[in-house]
C-alpha atoms as a PDB file:
ATOM      1  CA  MET A   1     103.310  72.486  46.125  1.00  0.00           C
ATOM      2  CA  ASP A   2     105.568  74.906  47.926  1.00  0.00           C
ATOM      3  CA  GLU A   3     104.611  76.105  51.424  1.00  0.00           C
ATOM      4  CA  PRO A   4     104.908  79.674  52.245  1.00  0.00           C
ATOM      5  CA  ALA A   5     107.815  80.693  54.566  1.00  0.00           C
ATOM      6  CA  ALA A   6     107.079  81.408  58.114  1.00  0.00           C
ATOM      7  CA  ALA A   7     106.809  85.072  58.912  1.00  0.00           C
ATOM      8  CA  GLY A   8     108.454  86.262  62.212  1.00  0.00           C
ATOM      9  CA  PRO A   9     107.944  89.627  64.004  1.00  0.00           C
ATOM     10  CA  ALA A  10     108.999  92.711  61.854  1.00  0.00           C
ATOM     11  CA  GLY A  11     112.610  93.221  61.917  1.00  0.00           C
ATOM     12  CA  ASN A  12     113.580  89.736  63.136  1.00  0.00           C
ATOM     13  CA  GLY A  13     115.808  87.858  60.865  1.00  0.00           C
ATOM     14  CA  PRO A  14     115.980  83.943  60.859  1.00  0.00           C
ATOM     15  CA  ASP A  15     118.748  84.010  63.315  1.00  0.00           C
ATOM     16  CA  GLU A  16     117.001  86.335  65.754  1.00  0.00           C
ATOM     17  CA  LEU A  17     114.637  83.951  67.850  1.00  0.00           C
ATOM     18  CA  THR A  18     112.546  86.159  70.276  1.00  0.00           C
ATOM     19  CA  VAL A  19     110.485  84.900  73.088  1.00  0.00           C
ATOM     20  CA  SER A  20     107.701  86.809  75.013  1.00  0.00           C
ATOM     21  CA  VAL A  21     107.182  85.437  78.473  1.00  0.00           C
ATOM     22  CA  ILE A  22     103.940  87.019  80.223  1.00  0.00           C
ATOM     23  CA  ILE A  23     103.735  86.352  84.046  1.00  0.00           C
ATOM     24  CA  PRO A  24     100.436  87.168  85.780  1.00  0.00           C
ATOM     25  CA  SER A  25     101.069  88.151  89.411  1.00  0.00           C
ATOM     26  CA  TYR A  26      98.954  88.698  92.570  1.00  0.00           C
ATOM     27  CA  ASN A  27     100.529  88.887  95.827  1.00  0.00           C
ATOM     28  CA  ARG A  28     103.266  86.166  95.003  1.00  0.00           C
ATOM     29  CA  ARG A  29     106.446  88.412  95.409  1.00  0.00           C
ATOM     30  CA  GLU A  30     108.909  85.651  96.331  1.00  0.00           C
ATOM     31  CA  GLN A  31     107.635  83.256  93.613  1.00  0.00           C
ATOM     32  CA  LEU A  32     107.647  86.004  90.982  1.00  0.00           C
ATOM     33  CA  LEU A  33     111.270  86.717  91.784  1.00  0.00           C
ATOM     34  CA  ARG A  34     112.192  83.082  91.634  1.00  0.00           C
ATOM     35  CA  THR A  35     110.707  82.987  88.299  1.00  0.00           C
ATOM     36  CA  LEU A  36     112.128  86.202  86.980  1.00  0.00           C
ATOM     37  CA  SER A  37     115.764  85.780  88.194  1.00  0.00           C
ATOM     38  CA  PRO A  38     116.754  83.064  85.632  1.00  0.00           C
ATOM     39  CA  LEU A  39     114.890  84.914  82.803  1.00  0.00           C
ATOM     40  CA  VAL A  40     116.593  88.346  83.334  1.00  0.00           C
ATOM     41  CA  ARG A  41     120.067  86.565  83.329  1.00  0.00           C
ATOM     42  CA  ASP A  42     119.138  84.602  79.846  1.00  0.00           C
ATOM     43  CA  PRO A  43     121.388  86.302  77.333  1.00  0.00           C
ATOM     44  CA  GLY A  44     118.875  85.630  74.612  1.00  0.00           C
ATOM     45  CA  ALA A  45     116.608  88.096  72.959  1.00  0.00           C
ATOM     46  CA  HIS A  46     113.379  88.043  74.789  1.00  0.00           C
ATOM     47  CA  GLU A  47     110.520  90.041  76.395  1.00  0.00           C
ATOM     48  CA  ILE A  48     109.239  89.777  79.773  1.00  0.00           C
ATOM     49  CA  VAL A  49     105.742  91.086  80.710  1.00  0.00           C
ATOM     50  CA  VAL A  50     104.626  90.893  84.274  1.00  0.00           C
ATOM     51  CA  VAL A  51     100.912  91.627  84.907  1.00  0.00           C
ATOM     52  CA  ASN A  52     100.439  92.904  88.511  1.00  0.00           C
ATOM     53  CA  ASP A  53      96.967  92.572  89.267  1.00  0.00           C
ATOM     54  CA  GLY A  54      96.954  95.227  91.985  1.00  0.00           C
ATOM     55  CA  GLY A  55      98.793  93.067  94.614  1.00  0.00           C
ATOM     56  CA  THR A  56      99.988  94.685  97.947  1.00  0.00           C
ATOM     57  CA  ASP A  57     102.930  92.610  98.775  1.00  0.00           C
ATOM     58  CA  GLY A  58     105.651  94.830  97.033  1.00  0.00           C
ATOM     59  CA  SER A  59     105.958  92.762  93.843  1.00  0.00           C
ATOM     60  CA  LEU A  60     105.731  95.899  91.649  1.00  0.00           C
ATOM     61  CA  GLU A  61     108.543  97.693  93.368  1.00  0.00           C
ATOM     62  CA  ALA A  62     110.643  94.165  93.315  1.00  0.00           C
ATOM     63  CA  VAL A  63     110.056  93.890  89.511  1.00  0.00           C
ATOM     64  CA  ARG A  64     111.103  97.658  88.966  1.00  0.00           C
ATOM     65  CA  ALA A  65     114.263  97.137  91.028  1.00  0.00           C
ATOM     66  CA  LEU A  66     115.073  93.867  89.084  1.00  0.00           C
ATOM     67  CA  ALA A  67     114.537  95.661  85.792  1.00  0.00           C
ATOM     68  CA  ALA A  68     116.783  98.535  86.684  1.00  0.00           C
END
């Protein structure tokens, strides 16, 4: 019996592997930046989602600056 082919996200061919990284954050600016730095330098196609839970340590501004 043939198994069905795996379906990926719409628009992605078999050579276009995508990875989504979800990072929760609350007042951990320095740890967050250490985590994000290698991810943003990775040339692979990926999506990074940072969930800032209302922290007051400047994480939001730091992430915005890194994304710019």
